[in-house]
Amino acid sequence: MCGRYVIARSVDDLLFDVGAVAGQPLQDLPTGEVRANWNVAPTSEVPILLERLDDDAAAPLRELHVARWGLIPGWAKEASIGTRAFNARSETVVDKPMFRSAIRHRRCAVPANGYYEWKKRLDADGQPVKATKDRPAKQPYYVHPADPEQNIWFAGIYEWWQDVDGTWVLSCSILTTEAPSTDSQQENLAELGELHDRLPIALTRGTLGDWLDPTLGAGKDAEAKESVLELVGRVRQEATEAAAPWQLRAVGSGVGNVRNNSPELVEPIQALF
């Protein structure tokens, strides 16, 4: 799964990377402003990339928006439902009521520098152990591209939800898939498999355009659903390819507290176990 990540890029950098323009409310901000969050947690406001149709444009508009992390479906009675919906399992996303409308009509990409994951400490039988005064039960790691200037674009979905006071809320979720095999011949992929059994899906540049395309799968017939199933299957298959250049390093336990938010959180330490 992906429950914490880092996004510390200027708006200009993100727009240039994917050929996008700023959507509201980013249009009201200096595009060079850095929207840095070193400890993004569910319900945080995060940038997302989407494409939308416009009657005055010949092609879909590619825009960067700001969304709440934790998807709130349009039928929800309260926004709190999104607190638990920050990830969506790619294996069930097309059919699960929480996500099935968004995956067909409202796909997005969520930019990140990298993300955090916690590795469980196991006993001799491979079972998780309890924390002690001197040794925690989990060691946090920071997973990131080898090139620190490279952005990850996670496969995501988004929704619009209206509060009782009339306020519209844009929210999103990140898709996950099974982690690489621990027997992988590539050391870093094997390490990702040992780190956690789930992996956030990163889009390759070859698939980014199709993932964002609002016309793909937009119909209500079986053929439209099949096209979305094929697209989800494709990004799942490419998830390992996208993750292959990633590296991971042990970081301090400070990331476990959402009130901590600074570049020091990604600094390497000696793993505790």
Protein backbone atom coordinates (compact mmCIF):
# COMPACT_ATOMS: atom_id res chain seq x y z
CA MET A 1 0.00 0.00 0.00
CA CYS A 2 1.00 3.64 -0.06
CA GLY A 3 0.00 5.59 3.04
CA ARG A 4 2.67 8.32 3.12
CA TYR A 5 4.62 9.97 0.34
CA VAL A 6 6.66 13.04 -0.62
CA ILE A 7 5.81 15.74 -3.14
CA ALA A 8 8.35 18.57 -3.12
CA ARG A 9 8.30 20.03 -6.62
CA SER A 10 7.46 23.48 -7.93
CA VAL A 11 4.26 23.79 -9.90
CA ASP A 12 6.34 24.87 -12.91
CA ASP A 13 8.41 21.69 -12.76
CA LEU A 14 5.31 19.47 -12.73
CA LEU A 15 3.62 21.38 -15.55
CA PHE A 16 6.74 21.24 -17.74
CA ASP A 17 7.29 17.53 -17.05
CA VAL A 18 3.96 16.46 -18.55
CA GLY A 19 2.95 19.37 -20.79
CA ALA A 20 0.09 20.55 -18.59
CA VAL A 21 -1.43 23.87 -17.54
CA ALA A 22 -2.52 25.00 -14.09
CA GLY A 23 -6.15 24.38 -13.18
CA GLN A 24 -8.01 26.18 -10.41
CA PRO A 25 -7.00 27.05 -7.71
CA LEU A 26 -3.39 26.81 -8.93
CA GLN A 27 -4.09 29.58 -11.44
CA ASP A 28 -4.27 32.00 -8.52
CA LEU A 29 -0.81 31.07 -7.23
CA PRO A 30 2.67 31.84 -8.54
CA THR A 31 3.46 28.78 -10.65
CA GLY A 32 7.05 28.80 -9.41
CA GLU A 33 5.92 28.29 -5.83
CA VAL A 34 7.11 25.05 -4.29
CA ARG A 35 4.31 22.97 -2.84
CA ALA A 36 6.56 20.90 -0.60
CA ASN A 37 5.16 18.19 1.65
CA TRP A 38 7.68 15.70 3.00
CA ASN A 39 5.09 13.66 4.88
CA VAL A 40 1.87 13.51 2.86
CA ALA A 41 -0.83 11.65 4.79
CA PRO A 42 -4.44 10.81 3.90
CA THR A 43 -6.77 13.86 3.81
CA SER A 44 -3.83 16.12 2.81
CA GLU A 45 -4.27 18.37 -0.22
CA VAL A 46 -2.09 17.13 -3.08
CA PRO A 47 -1.53 17.98 -6.75
CA ILE A 48 -3.09 15.67 -9.34
CA LEU A 49 -2.89 15.60 -13.13
CA LEU A 50 -6.06 15.06 -15.15
CA GLU A 51 -7.51 15.62 -18.59
CA ARG A 52 -10.99 17.03 -19.11
CA LEU A 53 -13.19 17.68 -22.10
CA ASP A 54 -14.06 21.24 -23.01
CA ASP A 55 -16.52 22.34 -25.69
CA ASP A 56 -14.18 25.11 -26.77
CA ALA A 57 -11.12 22.87 -27.15
CA ALA A 58 -10.37 20.44 -29.97
CA ALA A 59 -8.61 18.03 -27.60
CA PRO A 60 -8.89 17.23 -23.89
CA LEU A 61 -7.27 19.82 -21.62
CA ARG A 62 -4.40 18.50 -19.49
CA GLU A 63 -4.43 20.30 -16.16
CA LEU A 64 -2.84 20.18 -12.73
CA HIS A 65 -5.35 20.48 -9.89
CA VAL A 66 -5.35 20.20 -6.10
CA ALA A 67 -7.28 17.33 -4.50
CA ARG A 68 -7.86 15.81 -1.08
CA TRP A 69 -6.07 12.47 -0.75
CA GLY A 70 -8.77 9.91 0.08
CA LEU A 71 -11.50 9.37 -2.48
CA ILE A 72 -15.03 10.52 -1.60
CA PRO A 73 -17.56 8.96 -4.02
CA GLY A 74 -20.33 11.22 -5.24
CA TRP A 75 -22.99 9.22 -3.38
CA ALA A 76 -21.26 9.49 0.02
CA LYS A 77 -23.19 11.17 2.85
CA GLU A 78 -20.05 12.28 4.68
CA ALA A 79 -16.53 13.19 3.60
CA SER A 80 -15.06 10.99 6.34
CA ILE A 81 -15.54 7.92 4.13
CA GLY A 82 -12.52 9.09 2.13
CA THR A 83 -10.19 8.71 5.11
CA ARG A 84 -9.99 4.98 4.40
CA ALA A 85 -10.02 5.23 0.60
CA PHE A 86 -6.57 6.68 -0.09
CA ASN A 87 -5.59 3.47 -1.94
CA ALA A 88 -7.61 1.40 -4.41
CA ARG A 89 -6.74 -2.21 -5.20
CA SER A 90 -6.29 -2.49 -8.96
CA GLU A 91 -7.57 -6.08 -8.92
CA THR A 92 -11.07 -4.96 -7.82
CA VAL A 93 -11.21 -1.26 -8.74
CA VAL A 94 -13.43 -1.76 -11.81
CA ASP A 95 -16.21 -3.46 -9.85
CA LYS A 96 -16.00 -2.07 -6.32
CA PRO A 97 -18.83 0.47 -5.71
CA MET A 98 -16.46 2.92 -4.04
CA PHE A 99 -14.26 3.22 -7.15
CA ARG A 100 -16.02 1.79 -10.23
CA SER A 101 -17.41 5.10 -11.52
CA ALA A 102 -14.13 6.97 -11.09
CA ILE A 103 -12.00 4.31 -12.79
CA ARG A 104 -14.18 4.49 -15.88
CA HIS A 105 -14.67 8.24 -16.10
CA ARG A 106 -12.18 10.08 -13.87
CA ARG A 107 -8.62 8.79 -13.95
CA CYS A 108 -5.68 10.94 -12.89
CA ALA A 109 -1.96 10.78 -12.12
CA VAL A 110 -0.56 11.73 -8.72
CA PRO A 111 3.00 13.14 -8.74
CA ALA A 112 5.55 12.21 -6.07
CA ASN A 113 9.26 12.38 -5.34
CA GLY A 114 8.96 9.04 -3.55
CA TYR A 115 6.98 7.27 -0.86
CA TYR A 116 7.41 5.69 2.56
CA GLU A 117 6.80 2.11 3.55
CA TRP A 118 7.29 0.26 6.82
CA LYS A 119 9.01 -3.12 6.96
CA LYS A 120 7.82 -5.48 9.69
CA ARG A 121 10.32 -7.14 12.00
CA LEU A 122 9.84 -10.91 11.88
CA ASP A 123 10.78 -13.72 14.25
CA ALA A 124 12.52 -16.97 13.31
CA ASP A 125 9.21 -18.39 12.07
CA GLY A 126 8.52 -15.40 9.86
CA GLN A 127 5.84 -13.95 12.14
CA PRO A 128 5.62 -10.22 13.05
CA VAL A 129 7.03 -9.42 16.45
CA LYS A 130 5.86 -6.84 18.98
CA ALA A 131 7.76 -3.63 19.61
CA THR A 132 10.02 -3.38 22.63
CA LYS A 133 11.57 -0.40 24.37
CA ASP A 134 14.77 -0.79 22.37
CA ARG A 135 13.48 -2.21 19.08
CA PRO A 136 10.40 -1.04 17.16
CA ALA A 137 8.18 -3.52 15.34
CA LYS A 138 8.66 -1.75 12.00
CA GLN A 139 11.45 0.08 10.18
CA PRO A 140 10.41 2.93 7.84
CA TYR A 141 11.99 3.14 4.38
CA TYR A 142 11.92 5.83 1.72
CA VAL A 143 11.39 4.51 -1.83
CA HIS A 144 12.41 6.82 -4.67
CA PRO A 145 13.82 6.98 -8.22
CA ALA A 146 17.58 6.75 -8.55
CA ASP A 147 17.52 10.18 -10.22
CA PRO A 148 16.27 12.63 -7.57
CA GLU A 149 14.99 14.96 -10.31
CA GLN A 150 12.69 12.31 -11.78
CA ASN A 151 9.02 12.42 -10.87
CA ILE A 152 6.88 9.39 -10.11
CA TRP A 153 3.36 9.64 -11.53
CA PHE A 154 1.12 7.24 -9.63
CA ALA A 155 -1.97 5.85 -11.36
CA GLY A 156 -4.91 7.46 -9.61
CA ILE A 157 -8.63 8.14 -9.80
CA TYR A 158 -10.58 11.20 -8.71
CA GLU A 159 -14.10 12.25 -7.78
CA TRP A 160 -16.12 15.41 -7.18
CA TRP A 161 -18.30 15.42 -4.05
CA GLN A 162 -20.65 18.16 -2.83
CA ASP A 163 -20.95 18.93 0.86
CA VAL A 164 -24.28 19.87 2.45
CA ASP A 165 -23.24 23.54 2.42
CA GLY A 166 -22.80 23.39 -1.36
CA THR A 167 -19.01 23.23 -1.32
CA TRP A 168 -17.45 20.98 -3.97
CA VAL A 169 -14.55 18.77 -2.89
CA LEU A 170 -12.11 17.18 -5.34
CA SER A 171 -10.59 13.96 -3.96
CA CYS A 172 -8.34 11.18 -5.23
CA SER A 173 -6.98 7.69 -4.57
CA ILE A 174 -3.80 5.87 -5.67
CA LEU A 175 -3.99 2.40 -7.25
CA THR A 176 -1.93 -0.47 -5.87
CA THR A 177 -0.98 -3.94 -7.08
CA GLU A 178 0.92 -6.94 -5.77
CA ALA A 179 4.57 -6.25 -4.98
CA PRO A 180 7.42 -7.74 -7.05
CA SER A 181 8.52 -11.26 -6.18
CA THR A 182 11.05 -11.58 -3.39
CA ASP A 183 12.85 -13.99 -5.74
CA SER A 184 13.32 -11.31 -8.43
CA GLN A 185 16.73 -11.31 -10.11
CA GLN A 186 16.84 -7.53 -9.71
CA GLU A 187 17.98 -6.77 -6.19
CA ASN A 188 15.93 -3.61 -5.72
CA LEU A 189 12.74 -5.32 -6.92
CA ALA A 190 13.34 -8.21 -4.53
CA GLU A 191 13.82 -5.64 -1.74
CA LEU A 192 10.49 -4.01 -2.65
CA GLY A 193 8.86 -7.43 -2.42
CA GLU A 194 10.35 -7.97 1.02
CA LEU A 195 9.32 -4.49 2.14
CA HIS A 196 5.56 -4.94 1.66
CA ASP A 197 3.15 -7.17 -0.23
CA ARG A 198 1.55 -4.21 -2.04
CA LEU A 199 3.06 -1.71 -4.47
CA PRO A 200 1.68 1.67 -5.58
CA ILE A 201 1.31 1.64 -9.37
CA ALA A 202 3.50 4.13 -11.20
CA LEU A 203 2.63 4.98 -14.80
CA THR A 204 5.16 4.65 -17.58
CA ARG A 205 5.33 7.57 -19.99
CA GLY A 206 3.98 5.27 -22.70
CA THR A 207 0.75 4.68 -20.78
CA LEU A 208 0.27 8.08 -19.12
CA GLY A 209 -1.71 9.52 -22.03
CA ASP A 210 -4.13 6.60 -22.26
CA TRP A 211 -4.63 6.58 -18.50
CA LEU A 212 -5.63 10.25 -18.49
CA ASP A 213 -7.76 10.08 -21.66
CA PRO A 214 -11.34 10.91 -20.52
CA THR A 215 -12.85 9.34 -23.66
CA LEU A 216 -11.36 5.89 -23.04
CA GLY A 217 -14.00 3.74 -21.37
CA ALA A 218 -16.43 6.64 -21.04
CA GLY A 219 -19.42 4.70 -22.38
CA LYS A 220 -21.79 2.54 -20.33
CA ASP A 221 -21.73 -0.56 -22.52
CA ALA A 222 -19.74 -3.77 -22.09
CA GLU A 223 -17.18 -2.67 -24.67
CA ALA A 224 -16.37 0.47 -22.66
CA LYS A 225 -15.91 -1.55 -19.49
CA GLU A 226 -13.69 -4.01 -21.33
CA SER A 227 -11.45 -1.17 -22.54
CA VAL A 228 -11.00 0.00 -18.94
CA LEU A 229 -10.25 -3.54 -17.78
CA GLU A 230 -7.59 -3.78 -20.49
CA LEU A 231 -6.09 -0.44 -19.45
CA VAL A 232 -5.97 -1.39 -15.76
CA GLY A 233 -4.38 -4.72 -16.73
CA ARG A 234 -1.77 -2.89 -18.77
CA VAL A 235 -0.70 -0.53 -15.98
CA ARG A 236 -0.57 -3.47 -13.55
CA GLN A 237 1.76 -5.34 -15.89
CA GLU A 238 3.95 -2.24 -16.30
CA ALA A 239 4.10 -1.49 -12.57
CA THR A 240 7.23 -3.59 -12.08
CA GLU A 241 8.89 -1.97 -15.10
CA ALA A 242 8.16 1.48 -13.68
CA ALA A 243 9.48 0.48 -10.25
CA ALA A 244 12.66 -1.18 -11.56
CA PRO A 245 14.84 1.98 -11.26
CA TRP A 246 13.63 2.76 -7.73
CA GLN A 247 15.88 2.62 -4.69
CA LEU A 248 15.02 2.35 -1.01
CA ARG A 249 16.77 3.45 2.12
CA ALA A 250 16.06 3.24 5.82
CA VAL A 251 14.93 6.52 7.37
CA GLY A 252 14.18 7.73 10.88
CA SER A 253 11.03 7.00 12.83
CA GLY A 254 10.03 10.66 12.74
CA VAL A 255 8.04 10.06 9.57
CA GLY A 256 5.53 8.15 11.66
CA ASN A 257 4.25 11.41 13.14
CA VAL A 258 2.31 13.51 10.60
CA ARG A 259 3.30 16.68 12.44
CA ASN A 260 6.89 16.12 11.28
CA ASN A 261 7.39 17.63 7.84
CA SER A 262 10.90 18.48 6.67
CA PRO A 263 13.57 17.27 4.20
CA GLU A 264 15.34 15.52 7.08
CA LEU A 265 12.66 12.82 7.00
CA VAL A 266 14.18 11.30 3.84
CA GLU A 267 17.77 11.35 5.12
CA PRO A 268 19.25 7.83 5.34
CA ILE A 269 20.00 6.14 8.66
CA GLN A 270 21.37 2.76 9.68
CA ALA A 271 18.49 0.27 9.65
CA LEU A 272 17.54 -0.88 13.15
CA PHE A 273 17.09 -4.48 12.01
